[in-house]
Amino acid sequence: MDTEKQRLKEILQEKSIMRGDFTLASGKKSDYYIDARLTTLDAEGVYLVGKIFLSEIIGNSEIVGVGGPTMGADPIVGSVIAQSHVIGKKLNGFLVRKEEKKHGTAKLIEGNLSKGDRVVVVEDVVTTAGSVIKAINAVQELGAIVESVFVIVDREEGGAEKFQEMGIEFKPIFKISELL
């Protein structure tokens, strides 16, 4: 494991993994919870996540954007697009709301996304993949092409299989079995 990934693992284990009795967004019960926002809202943590994701993204020259479901994707998108500017491979960012705004432009997708764009969808944690699939569907309805889904942690509870069924590459930095 390279030093950046190892350091990110340490930050996740220190800040983001909690033990106890939790109910997940899927409704399932769990004896642990991953609050990855405590890592993605940490300067070093979000820098490392952005750097690791960007190193994967730049391997595909057709990718022009990165985005995902708000709120988990927000700091990740910011980190990746800022770092893309620094290295001269400018990527556009976008965020997908849970529902359309009721005012203003009434957008479901905020940011820079156009029909035909090839993009990566990012998220902090995937369990059953429901919120990411909703975001993917919104991106595809706009006419953009989702090449891959990148996540910090895969809870290994069915998300990977759903992306495989959709024909979308799935790249977690960590599986939960590597962190617990």
Protein backbone atom coordinates (compact mmCIF):
# COMPACT_ATOMS: atom_id res chain seq x y z
CA MET A 1 0.00 0.00 0.00
CA ASP A 2 1.47 3.35 -1.00
CA THR A 3 2.11 5.98 1.67
CA GLU A 4 -0.83 8.22 0.66
CA LYS A 5 -3.33 5.38 0.83
CA GLN A 6 -1.84 4.19 4.11
CA ARG A 7 -2.11 7.69 5.59
CA LEU A 8 -5.73 7.98 4.40
CA LYS A 9 -6.48 4.64 6.06
CA GLU A 10 -5.06 5.96 9.35
CA ILE A 11 -7.19 9.12 9.14
CA LEU A 12 -10.34 7.12 8.38
CA GLN A 13 -9.69 4.74 11.26
CA GLU A 14 -8.96 7.60 13.65
CA LYS A 15 -11.75 10.02 12.66
CA SER A 16 -14.47 8.24 10.72
CA ILE A 17 -15.11 4.73 12.04
CA MET A 18 -17.37 4.56 15.07
CA ARG A 19 -18.57 1.57 17.06
CA GLY A 20 -22.05 1.30 18.56
CA ASP A 21 -25.65 0.68 17.48
CA PHE A 22 -26.52 2.52 14.26
CA THR A 23 -29.32 2.59 11.69
CA LEU A 24 -28.02 3.17 8.16
CA ALA A 25 -29.68 5.16 5.36
CA SER A 26 -30.75 1.81 3.89
CA GLY A 27 -32.63 1.07 7.13
CA LYS A 28 -30.24 -1.71 8.07
CA LYS A 29 -28.79 -1.97 11.59
CA SER A 30 -25.01 -1.95 12.05
CA ASP A 31 -22.56 -2.18 14.95
CA TYR A 32 -20.29 0.34 13.22
CA TYR A 33 -20.77 3.57 11.31
CA ILE A 34 -18.49 5.34 8.87
CA ASP A 35 -18.82 9.11 9.01
CA ALA A 36 -16.44 9.76 6.13
CA ARG A 37 -17.29 13.47 6.19
CA LEU A 38 -15.05 13.69 9.25
CA THR A 39 -12.24 12.66 6.89
CA THR A 40 -13.36 14.62 3.82
CA LEU A 41 -13.79 17.76 5.91
CA ASP A 42 -10.26 17.35 7.27
CA ALA A 43 -7.67 19.21 5.18
CA GLU A 44 -5.24 16.31 4.88
CA GLY A 45 -8.02 13.74 4.47
CA VAL A 46 -9.78 15.49 1.60
CA TYR A 47 -6.46 16.29 -0.07
CA LEU A 48 -5.51 12.60 -0.04
CA VAL A 49 -8.92 11.46 -1.30
CA GLY A 50 -8.77 14.00 -4.13
CA LYS A 51 -5.23 13.04 -5.06
CA ILE A 52 -5.98 9.31 -5.09
CA PHE A 53 -9.15 9.76 -7.17
CA LEU A 54 -7.47 12.20 -9.56
CA SER A 55 -4.59 9.78 -10.19
CA GLU A 56 -7.19 7.22 -11.35
CA ILE A 57 -9.22 9.72 -13.39
CA ILE A 58 -6.28 11.08 -15.40
CA GLY A 59 -5.69 7.55 -16.73
CA ASN A 60 -8.78 8.04 -18.92
CA SER A 61 -8.32 11.08 -21.16
CA GLU A 62 -12.02 11.08 -22.13
CA ILE A 63 -13.19 12.01 -18.61
CA VAL A 64 -14.17 15.69 -18.44
CA GLY A 65 -16.06 15.86 -15.16
CA VAL A 66 -16.50 14.56 -11.67
CA GLY A 67 -19.54 14.79 -9.43
CA GLY A 68 -21.91 12.93 -7.22
CA PRO A 69 -24.75 13.03 -4.76
CA THR A 70 -24.74 15.99 -2.43
CA MET A 71 -23.58 15.96 0.50
CA GLY A 72 -21.11 13.10 0.56
CA ALA A 73 -19.58 14.06 -2.76
CA ASP A 74 -19.34 17.82 -2.13
CA PRO A 75 -15.86 18.05 -0.55
CA ILE A 76 -14.53 15.24 -2.75
CA VAL A 77 -15.58 17.02 -5.95
CA GLY A 78 -14.02 20.27 -4.72
CA SER A 79 -10.73 18.56 -3.95
CA VAL A 80 -10.54 16.66 -7.25
CA ILE A 81 -11.36 19.64 -9.47
CA ALA A 82 -9.00 21.98 -7.60
CA GLN A 83 -6.15 19.48 -7.89
CA SER A 84 -6.98 18.88 -11.56
CA HIS A 85 -6.43 22.59 -12.20
CA VAL A 86 -3.03 22.46 -10.49
CA ILE A 87 -1.82 19.63 -12.76
CA GLY A 88 -3.28 21.16 -15.94
CA LYS A 89 -5.99 18.51 -16.52
CA LYS A 90 -8.98 20.73 -15.79
CA LEU A 91 -12.08 18.76 -14.84
CA ASN A 92 -15.57 20.16 -14.41
CA GLY A 93 -17.53 19.55 -11.23
CA PHE A 94 -21.21 18.89 -10.60
CA LEU A 95 -23.45 17.86 -7.71
CA VAL A 96 -26.74 15.98 -7.80
CA ARG A 97 -29.46 17.06 -5.39
CA LYS A 98 -31.81 14.57 -3.73
CA GLU A 99 -34.67 16.39 -5.42
CA GLU A 100 -35.11 19.35 -7.78
CA LYS A 101 -34.94 22.81 -6.28
CA LYS A 102 -38.36 24.35 -5.76
CA HIS A 103 -37.14 27.83 -6.68
CA GLY A 104 -34.80 29.59 -9.10
CA THR A 105 -33.68 27.31 -11.91
CA ALA A 106 -35.31 24.23 -10.33
CA LYS A 107 -32.23 22.17 -11.18
CA LEU A 108 -31.58 18.64 -10.00
CA ILE A 109 -27.92 18.84 -11.08
CA GLU A 110 -25.81 21.85 -10.10
CA GLY A 111 -22.55 22.75 -11.75
CA ASN A 112 -20.88 21.99 -15.04
CA LEU A 113 -22.37 18.98 -16.79
CA SER A 114 -23.47 18.73 -20.41
CA LYS A 115 -24.97 16.14 -22.71
CA GLY A 116 -22.27 13.79 -23.98
CA ASP A 117 -19.81 14.49 -21.14
CA ARG A 118 -17.93 11.43 -19.90
CA VAL A 119 -17.77 11.60 -16.12
CA VAL A 120 -16.87 9.85 -12.90
CA VAL A 121 -19.38 9.78 -10.04
CA VAL A 122 -17.85 9.96 -6.57
CA GLU A 123 -19.21 9.27 -3.09
CA ASP A 124 -17.79 8.87 0.39
CA VAL A 125 -19.40 5.56 1.42
CA VAL A 126 -21.45 2.99 -0.50
CA THR A 127 -23.67 0.46 1.25
CA THR A 128 -26.52 -0.61 -1.04
CA ALA A 129 -25.75 2.16 -3.58
CA GLY A 130 -29.22 3.74 -3.58
CA SER A 131 -28.15 7.40 -3.49
CA VAL A 132 -25.37 6.86 -6.03
CA ILE A 133 -27.73 5.06 -8.42
CA LYS A 134 -30.19 7.97 -8.16
CA ALA A 135 -27.34 10.35 -9.04
CA ILE A 136 -26.22 8.14 -11.94
CA ASN A 137 -29.78 8.05 -13.30
CA ALA A 138 -30.02 11.86 -13.15
CA VAL A 139 -26.67 12.24 -14.94
CA GLN A 140 -27.71 9.74 -17.63
CA GLU A 141 -31.11 11.42 -18.09
CA LEU A 142 -29.22 14.62 -18.88
CA GLY A 143 -27.34 12.68 -21.57
CA ALA A 144 -23.93 12.42 -19.91
CA ILE A 145 -22.04 9.13 -19.72
CA VAL A 146 -20.97 7.69 -16.36
CA GLU A 147 -17.69 5.83 -16.90
CA SER A 148 -16.95 4.88 -13.29
CA VAL A 149 -18.01 5.22 -9.68
CA PHE A 150 -15.24 5.99 -7.17
CA VAL A 151 -15.87 5.75 -3.44
CA ILE A 152 -13.72 6.07 -0.37
CA VAL A 153 -15.26 3.06 1.42
CA ASP A 154 -17.32 0.16 0.09
CA ARG A 155 -19.27 -1.36 3.00
CA GLU A 156 -19.46 -4.57 0.92
CA GLU A 157 -23.24 -4.81 1.20
CA GLY A 158 -24.31 -5.10 -2.43
CA GLY A 159 -23.32 -1.81 -4.02
CA ALA A 160 -20.47 -3.25 -6.10
CA GLU A 161 -22.77 -5.86 -7.59
CA LYS A 162 -25.36 -3.25 -8.55
CA PHE A 163 -22.78 -1.18 -10.42
CA GLN A 164 -21.55 -4.32 -12.18
CA GLU A 165 -25.12 -5.08 -13.30
CA MET A 166 -25.32 -1.51 -14.67
CA GLY A 167 -22.06 -2.00 -16.58
CA ILE A 168 -20.32 0.76 -14.60
CA GLU A 169 -16.80 0.31 -13.29
CA PHE A 170 -16.61 0.53 -9.47
CA LYS A 171 -13.42 1.62 -7.72
CA PRO A 172 -13.38 1.87 -3.94
CA ILE A 173 -10.21 3.10 -2.25
CA PHE A 174 -11.00 0.71 0.60
CA LYS A 175 -13.37 -2.13 1.31
CA ILE A 176 -14.67 -2.08 4.87
CA SER A 177 -12.90 -5.39 5.51
CA GLU A 178 -9.60 -3.51 5.06
CA LEU A 179 -10.49 -0.91 7.70
CA LEU A 180 -12.13 -2.82 10.57
